[in-house]
Amino acid sequence: MSKNMLAIFGLFLILGFFSCQSEDNDLIPIEDELLTGEYHVNAKIDGIQKDFPFTFCGKFEDEGNFSLLVGGTSGQGDSPEPALTIVLEKGGDILVGNYTVNSNELSAEYVSAVGEDSFYASSVVLPKDFSLKITAINEKKIRGTFQGTFKNGNGQTLTLTEGSFFLPITIR
């Protein structure tokens, strides 16, 4: 083989190597592996497992301030209770991380049934014992965990543990 042929062959090898490299870069990043599986919202409420089959998730942006709404209900129509809603509001984008009601960014509500005593909340004013951990997020999906204490207007509390969600971000 002549030197020119070797140079051309070498060029094709290098181009082939880099084209394979660019194909590898197009693969889904490792962190996106967390964004697969069945969509769900569930938790233990006072130790009893509760699934919320009718779920919702929205992420909104208004002049650099972002809001995230995550939740689920047990039913549809006029009486969807019980229902769980988590709201995160912050300056800057919502990213993987830990959030608490003490940061003034997070609040949560749980409605156990229809009626005055069935509305429970956790916010900076109430028990101050609720946390949300976002473990993975992209433009289309979000995964995380949550836990905390809720209190109603009569001072009764509910403890929420082992909360988990994986949802498509459908409302923008």
Protein backbone atom coordinates (compact mmCIF):
# COMPACT_ATOMS: atom_id res chain seq x y z
CA MET A 1 0.00 0.00 0.00
CA SER A 2 1.25 3.46 -0.79
CA LYS A 3 1.60 6.17 1.85
CA ASN A 4 -1.38 8.03 0.38
CA MET A 5 -3.54 4.90 0.64
CA LEU A 6 -2.40 4.37 4.25
CA ALA A 7 -3.21 7.99 5.07
CA ILE A 8 -6.69 7.69 3.50
CA PHE A 9 -7.26 4.35 5.28
CA GLY A 10 -6.14 5.92 8.57
CA LEU A 11 -8.47 8.88 7.99
CA PHE A 12 -11.41 6.51 7.45
CA LEU A 13 -10.51 4.62 10.64
CA ILE A 14 -10.43 7.87 12.63
CA LEU A 15 -13.71 9.08 11.10
CA GLY A 16 -15.28 5.69 11.79
CA PHE A 17 -14.09 5.81 15.39
CA PHE A 18 -15.49 9.30 15.96
CA SER A 19 -18.76 8.46 14.26
CA CYS A 20 -19.16 5.53 16.64
CA GLN A 21 -18.35 7.85 19.50
CA SER A 22 -21.05 10.31 18.46
CA GLU A 23 -23.56 7.48 18.29
CA ASP A 24 -22.65 6.53 21.86
CA ASN A 25 -23.20 10.14 22.92
CA ASP A 26 -26.74 9.96 21.53
CA LEU A 27 -27.66 7.18 23.98
CA ILE A 28 -29.93 8.04 26.90
CA PRO A 29 -27.79 9.34 29.80
CA ILE A 30 -27.53 7.13 32.88
CA GLU A 31 -29.64 9.49 35.01
CA ASP A 32 -32.54 9.01 32.59
CA GLU A 33 -32.68 5.31 33.52
CA LEU A 34 -34.46 6.56 36.63
CA LEU A 35 -37.16 7.99 34.39
CA THR A 36 -38.56 4.63 33.28
CA GLY A 37 -41.25 2.40 34.78
CA GLU A 38 -44.92 2.66 35.64
CA TYR A 39 -46.36 6.04 36.55
CA HIS A 40 -47.64 6.26 40.12
CA VAL A 41 -48.28 8.29 43.26
CA ASN A 42 -48.46 6.33 46.52
CA ALA A 43 -47.66 6.59 50.21
CA LYS A 44 -48.45 5.16 53.61
CA ILE A 45 -50.98 7.30 55.49
CA ASP A 46 -50.78 6.51 59.21
CA GLY A 47 -49.15 3.21 58.24
CA ILE A 48 -51.78 2.17 55.66
CA GLN A 49 -50.66 1.88 52.02
CA LYS A 50 -52.59 4.25 49.76
CA ASP A 51 -52.38 4.41 45.97
CA PHE A 52 -53.61 7.40 43.98
CA PRO A 53 -54.43 6.01 40.52
CA PHE A 54 -55.59 9.32 39.01
CA THR A 55 -52.40 11.40 38.89
CA PHE A 56 -51.36 14.81 37.66
CA CYS A 57 -48.14 16.77 37.31
CA GLY A 58 -47.49 20.26 36.05
CA LYS A 59 -44.42 22.43 35.77
CA PHE A 60 -44.85 26.14 35.14
CA GLU A 61 -42.46 29.04 34.60
CA ASP A 62 -43.24 32.72 35.08
CA GLU A 63 -40.39 35.23 34.64
CA GLY A 64 -37.74 32.92 36.11
CA ASN A 65 -39.91 31.58 38.93
CA PHE A 66 -40.88 27.94 38.65
CA SER A 67 -43.76 25.97 40.14
CA LEU A 68 -44.22 22.22 40.30
CA LEU A 69 -47.57 20.61 41.07
CA VAL A 70 -47.61 16.87 41.83
CA GLY A 71 -50.56 14.89 43.04
CA GLY A 72 -53.10 12.17 42.79
CA THR A 73 -56.60 11.20 43.73
CA SER A 74 -58.37 7.93 44.42
CA GLY A 75 -61.33 8.71 42.20
CA GLN A 76 -62.74 10.96 39.54
CA GLY A 77 -65.75 13.23 39.35
CA ASP A 78 -67.50 15.02 42.19
CA SER A 79 -65.85 13.03 44.98
CA PRO A 80 -62.19 12.27 44.17
CA GLU A 81 -61.12 11.87 47.80
CA PRO A 82 -58.73 11.01 49.17
CA ALA A 83 -56.48 13.38 47.27
CA LEU A 84 -52.87 14.47 47.71
CA THR A 85 -51.31 17.64 46.29
CA ILE A 86 -47.69 18.79 46.61
CA VAL A 87 -46.65 22.28 45.45
CA LEU A 88 -43.06 23.45 45.04
CA GLU A 89 -42.46 27.10 44.11
CA LYS A 90 -39.00 28.60 43.74
CA GLY A 91 -36.87 31.11 41.93
CA GLY A 92 -34.85 29.28 39.30
CA ASP A 93 -35.50 25.95 37.67
CA ILE A 94 -36.67 22.90 39.59
CA LEU A 95 -33.83 20.40 39.75
CA VAL A 96 -32.86 17.16 41.47
CA GLY A 97 -32.58 17.87 45.18
CA ASN A 98 -34.20 17.98 48.62
CA TYR A 99 -36.92 20.49 49.47
CA THR A 100 -38.68 21.16 52.80
CA VAL A 101 -41.55 23.29 54.04
CA ASN A 102 -39.04 25.22 56.16
CA SER A 103 -37.65 26.73 52.95
CA ASN A 104 -41.00 28.48 52.21
CA GLU A 105 -40.88 26.77 48.80
CA LEU A 106 -42.91 23.66 49.59
CA SER A 107 -46.42 22.93 50.80
CA ALA A 108 -48.68 19.89 50.69
CA GLU A 109 -52.35 19.08 51.24
CA TYR A 110 -54.23 15.87 51.87
CA VAL A 111 -58.01 15.62 51.69
CA SER A 112 -59.20 12.38 53.29
CA ALA A 113 -62.93 12.73 52.53
CA VAL A 114 -65.65 15.30 52.06
CA GLY A 115 -66.10 17.48 55.14
CA GLU A 116 -64.56 20.19 57.25
CA ASP A 117 -62.25 17.96 59.33
CA SER A 118 -60.94 16.05 56.31
CA PHE A 119 -58.61 18.79 54.99
CA TYR A 120 -55.02 18.33 56.21
CA ALA A 121 -52.05 20.48 55.30
CA SER A 122 -48.33 20.78 55.83
CA SER A 123 -46.75 24.15 55.20
CA VAL A 124 -44.41 26.67 56.76
CA VAL A 125 -47.30 27.75 59.04
CA LEU A 126 -48.49 24.28 60.09
CA PRO A 127 -46.49 21.23 61.21
CA LYS A 128 -43.35 22.26 59.27
CA ASP A 129 -42.63 18.59 58.83
CA PHE A 130 -42.83 17.74 55.15
CA SER A 131 -40.06 17.03 52.67
CA LEU A 132 -39.81 16.28 48.98
CA LYS A 133 -36.83 14.72 47.26
CA ILE A 134 -36.65 14.94 43.48
CA THR A 135 -34.41 12.08 42.36
CA ALA A 136 -34.73 12.55 38.58
CA ILE A 137 -36.29 15.13 36.28
CA ASN A 138 -36.19 16.10 32.63
CA GLU A 139 -38.56 18.08 30.41
CA LYS A 140 -41.04 15.18 30.18
CA LYS A 141 -40.89 13.16 33.42
CA ILE A 142 -40.16 13.43 37.14
CA ARG A 143 -39.44 10.94 39.94
CA GLY A 144 -39.18 11.49 43.66
CA THR A 145 -40.11 10.67 47.23
CA PHE A 146 -41.90 12.54 50.01
CA GLN A 147 -42.83 12.24 53.68
CA GLY A 148 -44.17 14.32 56.50
CA THR A 149 -46.91 15.24 58.93
CA PHE A 150 -50.23 16.87 58.06
CA LYS A 151 -52.58 18.68 60.43
CA ASN A 152 -56.25 19.63 60.07
CA GLY A 153 -58.11 22.63 61.56
CA ASN A 154 -58.91 20.70 64.76
CA GLY A 155 -55.27 19.83 65.41
CA GLN A 156 -55.56 16.17 64.36
CA THR A 157 -52.51 14.87 62.53
CA LEU A 158 -51.76 12.34 59.82
CA THR A 159 -48.32 10.89 59.21
CA LEU A 160 -47.30 10.24 55.66
CA THR A 161 -44.33 7.93 55.04
CA GLU A 162 -42.76 6.09 52.11
CA GLY A 163 -44.29 8.51 49.61
CA SER A 164 -43.21 7.92 46.03
CA PHE A 165 -44.09 9.31 42.62
CA PHE A 166 -43.08 8.88 39.00
CA LEU A 167 -45.08 10.99 36.58
CA PRO A 168 -45.13 12.50 33.13
CA ILE A 169 -45.10 16.30 33.23
CA THR A 170 -48.34 16.85 31.33
CA ILE A 171 -49.37 20.38 32.29
CA ARG A 172 -47.08 23.24 31.24
